Amino acid sequence: MRHNCAVRAHCQVSLSLRVLGEDPVAGVGLPHVCAGSGHDLLSQSDSDGAQLYVIRQGGC
């Protein structure tokens, strides 16, 4: 699984990103990637057989 949390495009604006994933292992890896990148995983839920993640951009 490859993650690229390049959400830091505009540091002065707090962005939220909705990610829909089909890989069940993302539920383990994505929280660690976000924490290591300074982003916040706001929610994690199932949606029609896929996983829905809401991520808020961290500070720069």
N, C-alpha and C. Protein backbone atom coordinates (compact mmCIF):
# COMPACT_ATOMS: atom_id res chain seq x y z
N MET A 1 0.84 -1.17 0.00
CA MET A 1 0.00 0.00 0.00
C MET A 1 0.89 1.23 0.00
N ARG A 2 0.56 2.18 -0.84
CA ARG A 2 1.36 3.39 -0.94
C ARG A 2 0.51 4.58 -0.49
N HIS A 3 1.05 5.37 0.42
CA HIS A 3 0.35 6.55 0.90
C HIS A 3 1.16 7.79 0.54
N ASN A 4 0.47 8.81 0.16
CA ASN A 4 1.13 10.08 -0.08
C ASN A 4 0.23 11.17 0.47
N CYS A 5 0.49 11.61 1.67
CA CYS A 5 -0.33 12.65 2.31
C CYS A 5 0.23 14.02 1.98
N ALA A 6 0.25 14.37 0.71
CA ALA A 6 0.74 15.68 0.30
C ALA A 6 -0.41 16.67 0.31
N VAL A 7 -0.94 16.91 1.50
CA VAL A 7 -2.11 17.76 1.65
C VAL A 7 -1.70 19.17 2.07
N ARG A 8 -0.42 19.45 2.16
CA ARG A 8 0.09 20.71 2.69
C ARG A 8 0.20 21.80 1.64
N ALA A 9 -0.67 21.83 0.68
CA ALA A 9 -0.56 22.78 -0.41
C ALA A 9 -0.64 24.22 0.07
N HIS A 10 -1.58 24.53 0.94
CA HIS A 10 -1.76 25.88 1.46
C HIS A 10 -1.84 25.79 2.97
N CYS A 11 -0.78 26.10 3.64
CA CYS A 11 -0.68 25.87 5.08
C CYS A 11 -1.62 26.76 5.89
N GLN A 12 -1.98 27.91 5.37
CA GLN A 12 -2.83 28.80 6.14
C GLN A 12 -4.31 28.39 6.08
N VAL A 13 -4.67 27.48 5.21
CA VAL A 13 -6.04 27.01 5.09
C VAL A 13 -6.13 25.59 5.63
N SER A 14 -7.06 25.34 6.53
CA SER A 14 -7.25 23.99 7.06
C SER A 14 -8.14 23.21 6.10
N LEU A 15 -7.57 22.23 5.45
CA LEU A 15 -8.29 21.43 4.47
C LEU A 15 -8.78 20.13 5.08
N SER A 16 -9.92 19.67 4.63
CA SER A 16 -10.41 18.34 4.98
C SER A 16 -10.49 17.53 3.70
N LEU A 17 -10.12 16.28 3.81
CA LEU A 17 -10.08 15.39 2.66
C LEU A 17 -10.86 14.14 2.99
N ARG A 18 -11.76 13.75 2.10
CA ARG A 18 -12.49 12.49 2.25
C ARG A 18 -11.84 11.47 1.34
N VAL A 19 -11.46 10.33 1.90
CA VAL A 19 -10.78 9.28 1.15
C VAL A 19 -11.64 8.03 1.21
N LEU A 20 -11.93 7.45 0.07
CA LEU A 20 -12.69 6.21 -0.01
C LEU A 20 -11.72 5.12 -0.43
N GLY A 21 -11.55 4.11 0.41
CA GLY A 21 -10.58 3.06 0.15
C GLY A 21 -11.23 1.70 0.05
N GLU A 22 -10.63 0.83 -0.74
CA GLU A 22 -11.11 -0.54 -0.88
C GLU A 22 -10.16 -1.55 -0.26
N ASP A 23 -9.05 -1.10 0.25
CA ASP A 23 -8.06 -1.97 0.86
C ASP A 23 -8.28 -1.99 2.37
N PRO A 24 -8.72 -3.12 2.94
CA PRO A 24 -8.99 -3.16 4.38
C PRO A 24 -7.76 -2.88 5.24
N VAL A 25 -6.58 -3.08 4.72
CA VAL A 25 -5.35 -2.82 5.48
C VAL A 25 -5.11 -1.32 5.64
N ALA A 26 -5.75 -0.51 4.83
CA ALA A 26 -5.60 0.95 4.95
C ALA A 26 -6.05 1.43 6.32
N GLY A 27 -6.98 0.73 6.94
CA GLY A 27 -7.44 1.09 8.28
C GLY A 27 -6.37 0.98 9.33
N VAL A 28 -5.33 0.22 9.04
CA VAL A 28 -4.19 0.10 9.95
C VAL A 28 -3.11 1.11 9.58
N GLY A 29 -2.81 1.23 8.30
CA GLY A 29 -1.70 2.07 7.86
C GLY A 29 -2.00 3.55 7.77
N LEU A 30 -3.19 3.91 7.33
CA LEU A 30 -3.51 5.32 7.12
C LEU A 30 -3.45 6.16 8.40
N PRO A 31 -3.95 5.68 9.53
CA PRO A 31 -3.80 6.47 10.75
C PRO A 31 -2.34 6.75 11.11
N HIS A 32 -1.45 5.79 10.88
CA HIS A 32 -0.03 5.99 11.18
C HIS A 32 0.60 6.98 10.22
N VAL A 33 0.23 6.89 8.95
CA VAL A 33 0.76 7.83 7.95
C VAL A 33 0.33 9.25 8.28
N CYS A 34 -0.94 9.42 8.63
CA CYS A 34 -1.44 10.75 8.97
C CYS A 34 -0.75 11.30 10.21
N ALA A 35 -0.63 10.48 11.24
CA ALA A 35 0.03 10.93 12.48
C ALA A 35 1.48 11.30 12.22
N GLY A 36 2.17 10.51 11.41
CA GLY A 36 3.56 10.79 11.10
C GLY A 36 3.75 12.01 10.22
N SER A 37 2.69 12.41 9.50
CA SER A 37 2.75 13.57 8.61
C SER A 37 2.16 14.82 9.25
N GLY A 38 1.64 14.68 10.47
CA GLY A 38 1.08 15.83 11.15
C GLY A 38 -0.38 16.11 10.81
N HIS A 39 -1.06 15.15 10.18
CA HIS A 39 -2.46 15.31 9.83
C HIS A 39 -3.33 14.59 10.86
N ASP A 40 -4.62 14.96 10.93
CA ASP A 40 -5.54 14.35 11.87
C ASP A 40 -6.54 13.48 11.13
N LEU A 41 -6.65 12.21 11.56
CA LEU A 41 -7.69 11.34 11.04
C LEU A 41 -8.94 11.62 11.86
N LEU A 42 -9.91 12.32 11.28
CA LEU A 42 -11.10 12.75 12.01
C LEU A 42 -12.12 11.63 12.17
N SER A 43 -12.28 10.80 11.15
CA SER A 43 -13.22 9.69 11.25
C SER A 43 -12.83 8.58 10.31
N GLN A 44 -13.34 7.40 10.63
CA GLN A 44 -13.04 6.20 9.88
C GLN A 44 -14.30 5.34 9.98
N SER A 45 -14.92 5.01 8.84
CA SER A 45 -16.16 4.24 8.86
C SER A 45 -16.29 3.40 7.59
N ASP A 46 -17.22 2.46 7.62
CA ASP A 46 -17.51 1.63 6.45
C ASP A 46 -18.63 2.27 5.65
N SER A 47 -18.51 2.19 4.32
CA SER A 47 -19.51 2.77 3.44
C SER A 47 -19.68 1.87 2.22
N ASP A 48 -20.73 1.09 2.18
CA ASP A 48 -21.04 0.22 1.04
C ASP A 48 -19.87 -0.69 0.65
N GLY A 49 -19.28 -1.37 1.60
CA GLY A 49 -18.20 -2.31 1.32
C GLY A 49 -16.83 -1.68 1.18
N ALA A 50 -16.73 -0.38 1.34
CA ALA A 50 -15.45 0.32 1.28
C ALA A 50 -15.26 1.08 2.59
N GLN A 51 -14.08 1.62 2.79
CA GLN A 51 -13.79 2.38 4.00
C GLN A 51 -13.75 3.87 3.65
N LEU A 52 -14.38 4.67 4.50
CA LEU A 52 -14.39 6.11 4.31
C LEU A 52 -13.57 6.75 5.43
N TYR A 53 -12.61 7.59 5.05
CA TYR A 53 -11.74 8.28 5.99
C TYR A 53 -11.89 9.78 5.77
N VAL A 54 -11.93 10.53 6.84
CA VAL A 54 -11.93 12.00 6.75
C VAL A 54 -10.66 12.48 7.45
N ILE A 55 -9.83 13.21 6.72
CA ILE A 55 -8.52 13.64 7.19
C ILE A 55 -8.48 15.17 7.18
N ARG A 56 -7.96 15.77 8.25
CA ARG A 56 -7.77 17.22 8.29
C ARG A 56 -6.28 17.50 8.19
N GLN A 57 -5.97 18.46 7.34
CA GLN A 57 -4.58 18.87 7.12
C GLN A 57 -3.97 19.36 8.42
N GLY A 58 -2.75 18.93 8.68
CA GLY A 58 -2.00 19.42 9.83
C GLY A 58 -1.28 20.71 9.51
N GLY A 59 -0.69 21.30 10.52
CA GLY A 59 0.07 22.54 10.33
C GLY A 59 1.39 22.29 9.63
N CYS A 60 2.00 23.35 9.18
CA CYS A 60 3.27 23.23 8.45
C CYS A 60 4.46 23.34 9.37
